[in-house]
Amino acid sequence: MAHAMHDTETAPEEQTLQRGLSNRHIQLMAIGGAIGTGLFMGSGKGISLAGPAIAGVYAVIGLMLFFMMRAMGEMLLSDGRYRTFSDMVEDILGPWAGFSIGWTYWLCWIITGIAEVVAVTTYVAYWWPDLPPWIPAVAMVALIVGLNMMAVRLFGEMEFWFALIKIVAIVALVGVGLWLVITGFTGSDGTTASVSNLWEHGGIVPNGMHGVLTGFQIAIFSFVGLELVGTTAAEAKDPQRTLPRAINAIPIRILLFYVAALVVLMMVTPWTNARADQSPFVQTFALAGLAAAAGVINFVVITSAASSCNSGTYSTSRMLLGLASRRSAPKALDHLSSRHTPDRALLVSAVCLLLAVPLLYATGGVAEAFTLATTVSSVLFLFVWTLILVSYLVYRRNLPERHERSHYRMPGGVVTTWMVLVFFAFVVWTLTLADDTRQGLLASLIWFAVLGAGLLLRRRARAHAA
């Protein structure tokens, strides 16, 4: 049966990965992975497409992904042998699913990392507009490799402080923005900060339902990384306590870091000022005439991109290690350094991140490269999240005794799971509505063809070996 997990397959990684991540590390990684370029950079495009209604789009997506996380949490905690959600999916659905989700999740974070690196070139250009974009791109990748080569406890510490900078910055930004609204601050462009900015420039849904629907693409990308806590189970000191705490805090984090932050931004300066190729967080303070504050926020968004890319690289290296240990990736990648980090898997991932450089020059600009990368990433993450939910449906059908024993059950169970799956299908449909996202959707189909070929070759190789 699919759920008869073999200890011999999981032993190598379990013996070597260290449980060096404490509760505070995992709590902050859960926030840090999810607050990245999608919010700081991509929300500019979302605001320009949907206007003030984009805040509602973020709230709906956040609720649906919270349910997905609850389903993942229940399954992860149902068996102590699961090190990541990849193990969980393989155990419940079978080897094909473990292979598919492992490799797709690896590519998810490679593409997302490329988007983060692309965005960093924009942030650096705020200070040094004449600097060739390949320089900050290569510097970013070098920094990420260095951080990930450290022992997991030190990595966790660095990610803790990275994420803390983001959290403090967003809370401060919301506070300063509210103060500007209360005092009726008038910016250098002549606009006055006011709650009425939310409806005085064409209404809350200024571009109609088409604008709202096209806003789903960048909004869904803003949430990639929410599932990162599902890759930390093997290195968490107390997963039974830390994973539920991290997942349960998701709704309040979404309301503060996504919905409240965007609403405040659109009160300070009208949504009509938003540009798809700029961070609205930096732009808002620049338009308000607060250049020093804009510079500080620009520094924060650079650390944000580094943090998100850092978390993603951590995740991809663990996925490659797990795939290699199960003979679904080259055996040479099943190797750890003296610091107990998957060094070879890490270097492979890092080399792939450098594809951001030719992408920048091939697409003709940051906005085009960013949209292509984020659309492909969104489709791949939707596939990963869908496999997690399908696993939950099979888990409920085939392993009812585990569900009965669970102290952390998915709210609404099977009914909620189907609701979220229908919502995911709806989001994929929204990607067909605009030319730029349609191109990314078609590009992502190439990966599924490669994945199918990989599954076929793997099956033949195993049949031949047998």
Protein backbone atom coordinates (compact mmCIF):
# COMPACT_ATOMS: atom_id res chain seq x y z
CA MET A 1 0.00 0.00 0.00
CA ALA A 2 1.05 3.59 -0.58
CA HIS A 3 1.14 4.38 3.11
CA ALA A 4 3.53 1.59 4.06
CA MET A 5 6.55 3.84 4.38
CA HIS A 6 9.87 1.97 4.51
CA ASP A 7 12.22 2.93 7.32
CA THR A 8 15.20 1.92 5.21
CA GLU A 9 14.43 4.70 2.78
CA THR A 10 14.16 7.41 5.39
CA ALA A 11 16.98 6.41 7.67
CA PRO A 12 19.95 8.23 6.07
CA GLU A 13 18.44 11.69 6.33
CA GLU A 14 16.93 11.12 9.76
CA GLN A 15 20.35 10.16 11.13
CA THR A 16 22.09 13.26 9.86
CA LEU A 17 19.77 16.30 9.75
CA GLN A 18 19.99 18.09 13.08
CA ARG A 19 17.00 19.25 15.15
CA GLY A 20 18.41 22.75 15.49
CA LEU A 21 15.34 24.88 14.81
CA SER A 22 13.60 26.19 17.92
CA ASN A 23 10.03 27.46 18.19
CA ARG A 24 11.00 31.10 17.55
CA HIS A 25 13.03 30.08 14.46
CA ILE A 26 10.05 28.20 12.97
CA GLN A 27 7.54 30.92 13.87
CA LEU A 28 9.64 33.55 12.12
CA MET A 29 10.45 31.29 9.15
CA ALA A 30 6.70 30.78 8.72
CA ILE A 31 6.29 34.55 8.41
CA GLY A 32 9.56 35.24 6.61
CA GLY A 33 8.99 32.73 3.83
CA ALA A 34 5.55 34.13 3.08
CA ILE A 35 6.40 37.85 3.23
CA GLY A 36 8.62 38.39 0.24
CA THR A 37 8.80 40.08 -3.11
CA GLY A 38 5.24 39.09 -3.97
CA LEU A 39 4.01 41.50 -1.32
CA PHE A 40 6.73 44.18 -1.40
CA MET A 41 7.16 44.37 -5.18
CA GLY A 42 4.27 42.47 -6.78
CA SER A 43 1.50 44.22 -4.87
CA GLY A 44 2.21 47.28 -7.02
CA LYS A 45 0.93 45.36 -10.02
CA GLY A 46 -2.00 44.00 -7.99
CA ILE A 47 -3.06 47.49 -6.88
CA SER A 48 -2.75 48.88 -10.43
CA LEU A 49 -5.00 46.07 -11.77
CA ALA A 50 -7.68 45.75 -9.07
CA GLY A 51 -7.50 49.04 -7.15
CA PRO A 52 -8.60 48.96 -3.49
CA ALA A 53 -10.42 45.64 -4.12
CA ILE A 54 -7.00 43.92 -4.11
CA ALA A 55 -7.17 43.85 -0.27
CA GLY A 56 -10.23 41.58 -0.51
CA VAL A 57 -8.43 39.33 -3.01
CA TYR A 58 -5.57 38.87 -0.52
CA ALA A 59 -8.04 38.10 2.30
CA VAL A 60 -9.86 35.40 0.29
CA ILE A 61 -6.63 33.72 -0.85
CA GLY A 62 -5.27 33.85 2.70
CA LEU A 63 -8.35 32.09 4.09
CA MET A 64 -8.18 29.30 1.49
CA LEU A 65 -4.47 28.71 2.08
CA PHE A 66 -5.02 28.62 5.84
CA PHE A 67 -7.33 25.62 5.29
CA MET A 68 -4.67 23.99 3.09
CA MET A 69 -2.12 24.50 5.86
CA ARG A 70 -4.47 22.97 8.45
CA ALA A 71 -4.88 19.88 6.25
CA MET A 72 -1.09 19.63 5.88
CA GLY A 73 -0.60 20.12 9.62
CA GLU A 74 -3.02 17.33 10.55
CA MET A 75 -1.29 14.86 8.23
CA LEU A 76 2.28 15.85 9.17
CA LEU A 77 1.55 15.35 12.87
CA SER A 78 -0.24 12.03 12.29
CA ASP A 79 3.06 10.17 11.76
CA GLY A 80 6.35 11.09 13.44
CA ARG A 81 8.36 9.64 10.53
CA TYR A 82 7.34 12.43 8.15
CA ARG A 83 10.27 14.82 7.76
CA THR A 84 8.63 17.03 5.12
CA PHE A 85 5.28 17.19 3.36
CA SER A 86 7.01 15.42 0.44
CA ASP A 87 7.39 12.31 2.63
CA MET A 88 3.78 12.67 3.70
CA VAL A 89 2.45 12.88 0.12
CA GLU A 90 4.59 9.93 -1.04
CA ASP A 91 3.43 7.81 1.88
CA ILE A 92 -0.26 8.54 1.29
CA LEU A 93 -0.48 8.74 -2.53
CA GLY A 94 2.48 6.62 -3.62
CA PRO A 95 6.02 7.02 -5.06
CA TRP A 96 4.81 8.88 -8.17
CA ALA A 97 3.39 11.66 -5.98
CA GLY A 98 6.54 11.93 -3.87
CA PHE A 99 8.62 12.22 -7.04
CA SER A 100 6.23 14.80 -8.56
CA ILE A 101 5.85 17.01 -5.50
CA GLY A 102 9.54 16.83 -4.58
CA TRP A 103 10.83 17.92 -7.97
CA THR A 104 8.01 20.44 -8.54
CA TYR A 105 8.58 22.05 -5.15
CA TRP A 106 12.28 22.27 -5.89
CA LEU A 107 11.50 24.07 -9.17
CA CYS A 108 8.89 26.23 -7.39
CA TRP A 109 11.54 27.76 -5.21
CA ILE A 110 14.11 28.00 -8.01
CA ILE A 111 11.62 30.06 -10.08
CA THR A 112 10.56 32.05 -7.00
CA GLY A 113 14.22 32.66 -6.14
CA ILE A 114 14.79 33.90 -9.70
CA ALA A 115 11.86 36.33 -9.23
CA GLU A 116 13.39 37.53 -5.94
CA VAL A 117 16.79 38.07 -7.61
CA VAL A 118 15.13 39.95 -10.49
CA ALA A 119 13.33 42.19 -7.98
CA VAL A 120 16.56 42.91 -6.07
CA THR A 121 18.03 44.49 -9.21
CA THR A 122 15.13 46.99 -9.10
CA TYR A 123 15.65 47.77 -5.42
CA VAL A 124 19.38 48.35 -5.90
CA ALA A 125 18.66 50.62 -8.90
CA TYR A 126 16.79 52.92 -6.47
CA TRP A 127 20.23 53.96 -5.14
CA TRP A 128 22.53 53.08 -8.08
CA PRO A 129 20.50 53.38 -11.30
CA ASP A 130 23.56 52.95 -13.56
CA LEU A 131 24.77 49.70 -11.97
CA PRO A 132 24.54 46.73 -14.41
CA PRO A 133 21.73 44.45 -13.14
CA TRP A 134 23.88 41.29 -13.24
CA ILE A 135 26.09 42.58 -10.39
CA PRO A 136 23.40 42.70 -7.63
CA ALA A 137 21.95 39.44 -9.03
CA VAL A 138 25.23 37.52 -8.65
CA ALA A 139 25.95 39.15 -5.26
CA MET A 140 22.53 38.06 -3.99
CA VAL A 141 23.07 34.42 -5.00
CA ALA A 142 26.54 34.40 -3.38
CA LEU A 143 25.05 35.73 -0.12
CA ILE A 144 22.30 33.07 -0.12
CA VAL A 145 24.79 30.23 -0.66
CA GLY A 146 26.97 31.51 2.19
CA LEU A 147 24.05 31.71 4.61
CA ASN A 148 22.77 28.23 3.73
CA MET A 149 26.18 26.62 4.13
CA MET A 150 26.07 27.44 7.85
CA ALA A 151 24.82 24.96 10.46
CA VAL A 152 21.03 24.85 10.61
CA ARG A 153 20.92 26.55 14.03
CA LEU A 154 22.93 29.51 12.67
CA PHE A 155 20.80 29.54 9.53
CA GLY A 156 17.69 29.65 11.72
CA GLU A 157 19.18 32.55 13.69
CA MET A 158 19.92 34.55 10.53
CA GLU A 159 16.43 33.89 9.16
CA PHE A 160 14.96 34.93 12.52
CA TRP A 161 16.57 38.38 12.26
CA PHE A 162 15.83 38.72 8.54
CA ALA A 163 12.14 38.05 9.17
CA LEU A 164 12.08 40.29 12.24
CA ILE A 165 13.28 43.26 10.15
CA LYS A 166 10.37 42.69 7.75
CA ILE A 167 7.79 42.36 10.52
CA VAL A 168 8.95 45.46 12.40
CA ALA A 169 9.06 47.42 9.13
CA ILE A 170 5.50 46.48 8.11
CA VAL A 171 4.11 47.21 11.58
CA ALA A 172 5.95 50.56 11.58
CA LEU A 173 4.73 51.30 8.05
CA VAL A 174 1.10 50.63 9.05
CA GLY A 175 1.57 52.87 12.11
CA VAL A 176 3.20 55.72 10.17
CA GLY A 177 0.62 55.41 7.40
CA LEU A 178 -2.25 55.68 9.89
CA TRP A 179 -0.59 58.73 11.45
CA LEU A 180 -0.32 60.38 8.00
CA VAL A 181 -4.04 59.68 7.41
CA ILE A 182 -5.10 60.99 10.84
CA THR A 183 -3.08 64.21 10.40
CA GLY A 184 -4.27 64.70 6.80
CA PHE A 185 -0.69 64.78 5.46
CA THR A 186 -0.31 66.30 1.97
CA GLY A 187 2.49 64.80 -0.10
CA SER A 188 4.88 66.41 -2.57
CA ASP A 189 2.56 65.39 -5.43
CA GLY A 190 -0.35 67.33 -3.89
CA THR A 191 -2.41 64.32 -2.78
CA THR A 192 -3.73 64.21 0.79
CA ALA A 193 -3.66 61.06 2.91
CA SER A 194 -7.26 60.12 3.64
CA VAL A 195 -9.54 57.12 4.12
CA SER A 196 -11.61 58.49 1.23
CA ASN A 197 -8.75 57.64 -1.16
CA LEU A 198 -10.11 54.09 -1.04
CA TRP A 199 -13.28 55.03 -2.96
CA GLU A 200 -12.81 58.51 -4.45
CA HIS A 201 -10.74 57.42 -7.46
CA GLY A 202 -13.20 55.27 -9.41
CA GLY A 203 -14.63 53.36 -6.45
CA ILE A 204 -13.43 50.28 -4.58
CA VAL A 205 -13.62 48.18 -7.80
CA PRO A 206 -12.44 50.80 -10.33
CA ASN A 207 -11.51 48.41 -13.14
CA GLY A 208 -14.53 46.14 -12.77
CA MET A 209 -14.47 42.40 -12.14
CA HIS A 210 -11.88 41.86 -14.87
CA GLY A 211 -9.40 43.95 -12.86
CA VAL A 212 -10.15 41.97 -9.70
CA LEU A 213 -9.78 38.62 -11.48
CA THR A 214 -6.44 39.54 -13.09
CA GLY A 215 -5.24 40.66 -9.65
CA PHE A 216 -5.37 37.05 -8.43
CA GLN A 217 -2.12 36.10 -10.21
CA ILE A 218 0.21 38.37 -8.27
CA ALA A 219 -1.82 37.96 -5.09
CA ILE A 220 -1.48 34.17 -5.13
CA PHE A 221 2.28 34.56 -5.70
CA SER A 222 2.48 36.75 -2.60
CA PHE A 223 1.55 33.69 -0.49
CA VAL A 224 4.10 31.23 -1.85
CA GLY A 225 6.21 30.01 1.04
CA LEU A 226 3.30 29.75 3.45
CA GLU A 227 3.84 25.97 3.39
CA LEU A 228 7.54 26.32 4.34
CA VAL A 229 6.90 25.08 7.88
CA GLY A 230 6.00 21.76 6.26
CA THR A 231 9.65 21.28 5.26
CA THR A 232 11.05 21.94 8.76
CA ALA A 233 9.56 18.92 10.57
CA ALA A 234 12.85 16.98 10.58
CA GLU A 235 14.78 19.92 12.04
CA ALA A 236 12.18 21.20 14.53
CA LYS A 237 12.88 20.44 18.18
CA ASP A 238 9.21 19.94 19.06
CA PRO A 239 7.04 19.71 15.90
CA GLN A 240 3.90 18.69 17.83
CA ARG A 241 3.94 22.10 19.52
CA THR A 242 5.66 24.40 17.01
CA LEU A 243 3.84 23.44 13.79
CA PRO A 244 0.28 24.06 15.13
CA ARG A 245 1.36 27.37 16.65
CA ALA A 246 2.89 28.52 13.36
CA ILE A 247 -0.17 27.47 11.32
CA ASN A 248 -2.78 28.84 13.73
CA ALA A 249 -1.18 32.28 13.62
CA ILE A 250 -1.60 32.54 9.82
CA PRO A 251 -4.99 34.39 9.75
CA ILE A 252 -3.89 37.24 12.01
CA ARG A 253 -0.61 37.54 10.09
CA ILE A 254 -2.45 37.77 6.79
CA LEU A 255 -4.78 40.48 8.14
CA LEU A 256 -1.87 42.56 9.44
CA PHE A 257 0.92 41.99 6.91
CA TYR A 258 -1.18 41.81 3.76
CA VAL A 259 -4.65 43.32 4.10
CA ALA A 260 -3.95 46.11 6.63
CA ALA A 261 -0.64 47.10 5.01
CA LEU A 262 -2.19 47.43 1.53
CA VAL A 263 -5.26 49.30 2.79
CA VAL A 264 -3.03 51.82 4.61
CA LEU A 265 -0.83 52.27 1.51
CA MET A 266 -3.90 53.06 -0.61
CA MET A 267 -5.15 55.55 2.00
CA VAL A 268 -1.82 57.41 2.06
CA THR A 269 -1.63 57.75 -1.74
CA PRO A 270 -4.43 56.89 -4.21
CA TRP A 271 -4.22 53.49 -5.92
CA THR A 272 -3.89 55.31 -9.26
CA ASN A 273 -0.27 56.12 -8.34
CA ALA A 274 0.72 52.44 -8.14
CA ARG A 275 3.12 51.14 -10.81
CA ALA A 276 3.59 47.49 -11.76
CA ASP A 277 7.40 47.75 -11.90
CA GLN A 278 7.93 49.46 -8.52
CA SER A 279 7.43 48.59 -4.88
CA PRO A 280 4.34 50.47 -3.63
CA PHE A 281 5.89 50.45 -0.16
CA VAL A 282 8.88 52.50 -1.36
CA GLN A 283 6.80 54.53 -3.82
CA THR A 284 4.24 55.58 -1.20
CA PHE A 285 6.85 57.20 1.04
CA ALA A 286 8.69 58.72 -1.92
CA LEU A 287 5.44 60.30 -3.22
CA ALA A 288 4.68 61.54 0.27
CA GLY A 289 7.99 63.42 0.15
CA LEU A 290 9.59 61.29 2.86
CA ALA A 291 12.75 60.33 0.95
CA ALA A 292 14.62 59.08 4.02
CA ALA A 293 11.73 56.78 4.97
CA ALA A 294 11.57 55.54 1.36
CA GLY A 295 15.29 54.69 1.54
CA VAL A 296 14.77 52.74 4.77
CA ILE A 297 11.84 50.83 3.27
CA ASN A 298 13.97 50.09 0.18
CA PHE A 299 16.61 48.53 2.45
CA VAL A 300 13.88 46.49 4.14
CA VAL A 301 12.54 45.15 0.84
CA ILE A 302 16.07 44.09 -0.14
CA THR A 303 16.43 42.14 3.12
CA SER A 304 12.92 40.80 2.49
CA ALA A 305 13.89 39.42 -0.90
CA ALA A 306 17.07 37.96 0.60
CA SER A 307 15.06 36.39 3.42
CA SER A 308 12.46 34.82 1.14
CA CYS A 309 15.13 33.55 -1.26
CA ASN A 310 17.11 32.28 1.74
CA SER A 311 14.12 30.31 3.06
CA GLY A 312 13.38 28.93 -0.39
CA THR A 313 16.97 27.80 -0.96
CA TYR A 314 16.88 26.07 2.44
CA SER A 315 13.73 24.26 1.34
CA THR A 316 14.99 23.25 -2.13
CA SER A 317 18.22 21.81 -0.76
CA ARG A 318 16.24 19.63 1.71
CA MET A 319 13.88 18.51 -1.06
CA LEU A 320 16.81 17.51 -3.32
CA LEU A 321 18.44 15.67 -0.42
CA GLY A 322 15.21 13.76 0.26
CA LEU A 323 14.77 12.93 -3.45
CA ALA A 324 18.36 11.66 -3.64
CA SER A 325 17.92 9.52 -0.51
CA ARG A 326 14.88 7.88 -2.17
CA ARG A 327 16.80 7.40 -5.47
CA SER A 328 14.58 9.91 -7.26
CA ALA A 329 17.55 12.26 -7.85
CA PRO A 330 21.25 11.60 -8.53
CA LYS A 331 22.83 9.68 -5.63
CA ALA A 332 25.69 12.21 -5.49
CA LEU A 333 23.26 14.79 -4.05
CA ASP A 334 22.63 12.60 -0.98
CA HIS A 335 25.53 14.20 0.87
CA LEU A 336 25.90 16.48 3.89
CA SER A 337 28.77 18.72 4.93
CA SER A 338 30.52 18.65 8.30
CA ARG A 339 27.95 21.26 9.42
CA HIS A 340 25.12 18.81 8.56
CA THR A 341 23.91 20.92 5.60
CA PRO A 342 23.14 19.42 2.14
CA ASP A 343 26.03 21.19 0.40
CA ARG A 344 25.85 19.57 -3.05
CA ALA A 345 22.08 19.96 -3.34
CA LEU A 346 22.52 23.57 -2.24
CA LEU A 347 25.11 24.36 -4.93
CA VAL A 348 22.91 22.85 -7.68
CA SER A 349 20.03 25.06 -6.56
CA ALA A 350 22.28 28.13 -6.40
CA VAL A 351 23.57 27.64 -9.96
CA CYS A 352 19.95 27.49 -11.17
CA LEU A 353 19.21 30.82 -9.41
CA LEU A 354 21.77 32.49 -11.68
CA LEU A 355 19.31 31.98 -14.58
CA ALA A 356 17.82 35.26 -13.34
CA VAL A 357 20.63 37.09 -15.17
CA PRO A 358 19.85 35.90 -18.75
CA LEU A 359 16.10 36.20 -18.01
CA LEU A 360 16.54 39.89 -17.19
CA TYR A 361 18.20 40.56 -20.53
CA ALA A 362 16.02 38.19 -22.62
CA THR A 363 12.61 39.57 -21.59
CA GLY A 364 13.52 43.22 -22.05
CA GLY A 365 12.84 44.48 -18.56
CA VAL A 366 12.22 43.80 -14.89
CA ALA A 367 8.40 43.94 -15.05
CA GLU A 368 8.23 41.40 -17.90
CA ALA A 369 10.78 39.04 -16.31
CA PHE A 370 9.07 39.33 -12.93
CA THR A 371 5.57 38.56 -14.30
CA LEU A 372 6.81 35.55 -16.27
CA ALA A 373 8.69 34.10 -13.28
CA THR A 374 5.87 34.75 -10.79
CA THR A 375 3.17 33.24 -13.04
CA VAL A 376 5.14 30.03 -13.60
CA SER A 377 5.89 29.90 -9.88
CA SER A 378 2.21 30.41 -8.98
CA VAL A 379 1.09 27.53 -11.23
CA LEU A 380 3.71 25.17 -9.78
CA PHE A 381 2.81 26.09 -6.19
CA LEU A 382 -0.88 25.52 -6.97
CA PHE A 383 0.08 22.02 -8.17
CA VAL A 384 1.98 21.36 -4.92
CA TRP A 385 -0.87 22.65 -2.75
CA THR A 386 -3.35 20.58 -4.77
CA LEU A 387 -1.35 17.38 -4.17
CA ILE A 388 -1.34 18.15 -0.44
CA LEU A 389 -5.14 18.49 -0.47
CA VAL A 390 -5.63 15.34 -2.59
CA SER A 391 -3.44 13.55 -0.03
CA TYR A 392 -5.81 14.74 2.68
CA LEU A 393 -8.83 13.28 0.86
CA VAL A 394 -7.05 9.91 0.49
CA TYR A 395 -5.82 10.08 4.11
CA ARG A 396 -9.38 10.55 5.34
CA ARG A 397 -10.59 7.62 3.22
CA ASN A 398 -7.73 5.14 3.81
CA LEU A 399 -6.45 6.11 7.27
CA PRO A 400 -9.54 7.03 9.32
CA GLU A 401 -7.90 5.80 12.53
CA ARG A 402 -5.22 8.50 12.26
CA HIS A 403 -7.87 11.19 11.83
CA GLU A 404 -9.72 9.89 14.90
CA ARG A 405 -6.50 10.07 16.97
CA SER A 406 -5.62 13.56 15.73
CA HIS A 407 -5.56 16.46 18.18
CA TYR A 408 -5.13 18.94 15.32
CA ARG A 409 -7.94 18.36 12.83
CA MET A 410 -8.64 20.28 9.64
CA PRO A 411 -11.73 22.53 10.14
CA GLY A 412 -14.58 21.34 7.92
CA GLY A 413 -12.60 18.29 6.83
CA VAL A 414 -13.46 16.87 3.41
CA VAL A 415 -16.04 19.56 2.53
CA THR A 416 -13.56 22.39 3.13
CA THR A 417 -10.90 20.51 1.15
CA TRP A 418 -13.15 20.32 -1.94
CA MET A 419 -14.00 24.02 -1.56
CA VAL A 420 -10.30 24.94 -1.65
CA LEU A 421 -9.63 22.64 -4.65
CA VAL A 422 -12.43 24.37 -6.60
CA PHE A 423 -10.92 27.73 -5.64
CA PHE A 424 -7.49 26.63 -6.96
CA ALA A 425 -9.08 25.69 -10.30
CA PHE A 426 -10.70 29.15 -10.39
CA VAL A 427 -7.31 30.83 -9.82
CA VAL A 428 -5.74 28.87 -12.71
CA TRP A 429 -8.61 30.11 -14.91
CA THR A 430 -7.89 33.73 -13.94
CA LEU A 431 -4.35 33.29 -15.32
CA THR A 432 -5.84 32.91 -18.83
CA LEU A 433 -7.41 36.39 -18.75
CA ALA A 434 -4.30 38.51 -19.46
CA ASP A 435 -1.61 38.08 -22.11
CA ASP A 436 1.38 38.23 -19.76
CA THR A 437 0.00 35.67 -17.28
CA ARG A 438 -1.26 33.45 -20.15
CA GLN A 439 2.33 33.21 -21.44
CA GLY A 440 3.53 32.16 -17.99
CA LEU A 441 0.73 29.56 -17.74
CA LEU A 442 1.73 28.06 -21.10
CA ALA A 443 5.42 28.08 -20.11
CA SER A 444 4.59 26.12 -16.94
CA LEU A 445 3.08 23.33 -19.09
CA ILE A 446 6.61 22.54 -20.30
CA TRP A 447 7.48 21.48 -16.76
CA PHE A 448 4.55 19.07 -16.54
CA ALA A 449 5.67 17.44 -19.82
CA VAL A 450 9.21 17.07 -18.39
CA LEU A 451 7.76 15.70 -15.13
CA GLY A 452 5.69 13.12 -17.01
CA ALA A 453 8.76 12.00 -18.97
CA GLY A 454 10.74 11.77 -15.72
CA LEU A 455 8.06 9.57 -14.12
CA LEU A 456 8.06 7.29 -17.18
CA LEU A 457 11.86 6.94 -17.19
CA ARG A 458 11.89 6.31 -13.44
CA ARG A 459 9.27 3.57 -13.77
CA ARG A 460 11.21 1.87 -16.60
CA ALA A 461 14.48 2.07 -14.65
CA ARG A 462 12.89 0.48 -11.59
CA ALA A 463 11.22 -2.21 -13.70
CA HIS A 464 14.56 -2.99 -15.35
CA ALA A 465 16.33 -3.14 -11.97
CA ALA A 466 13.63 -5.47 -10.61
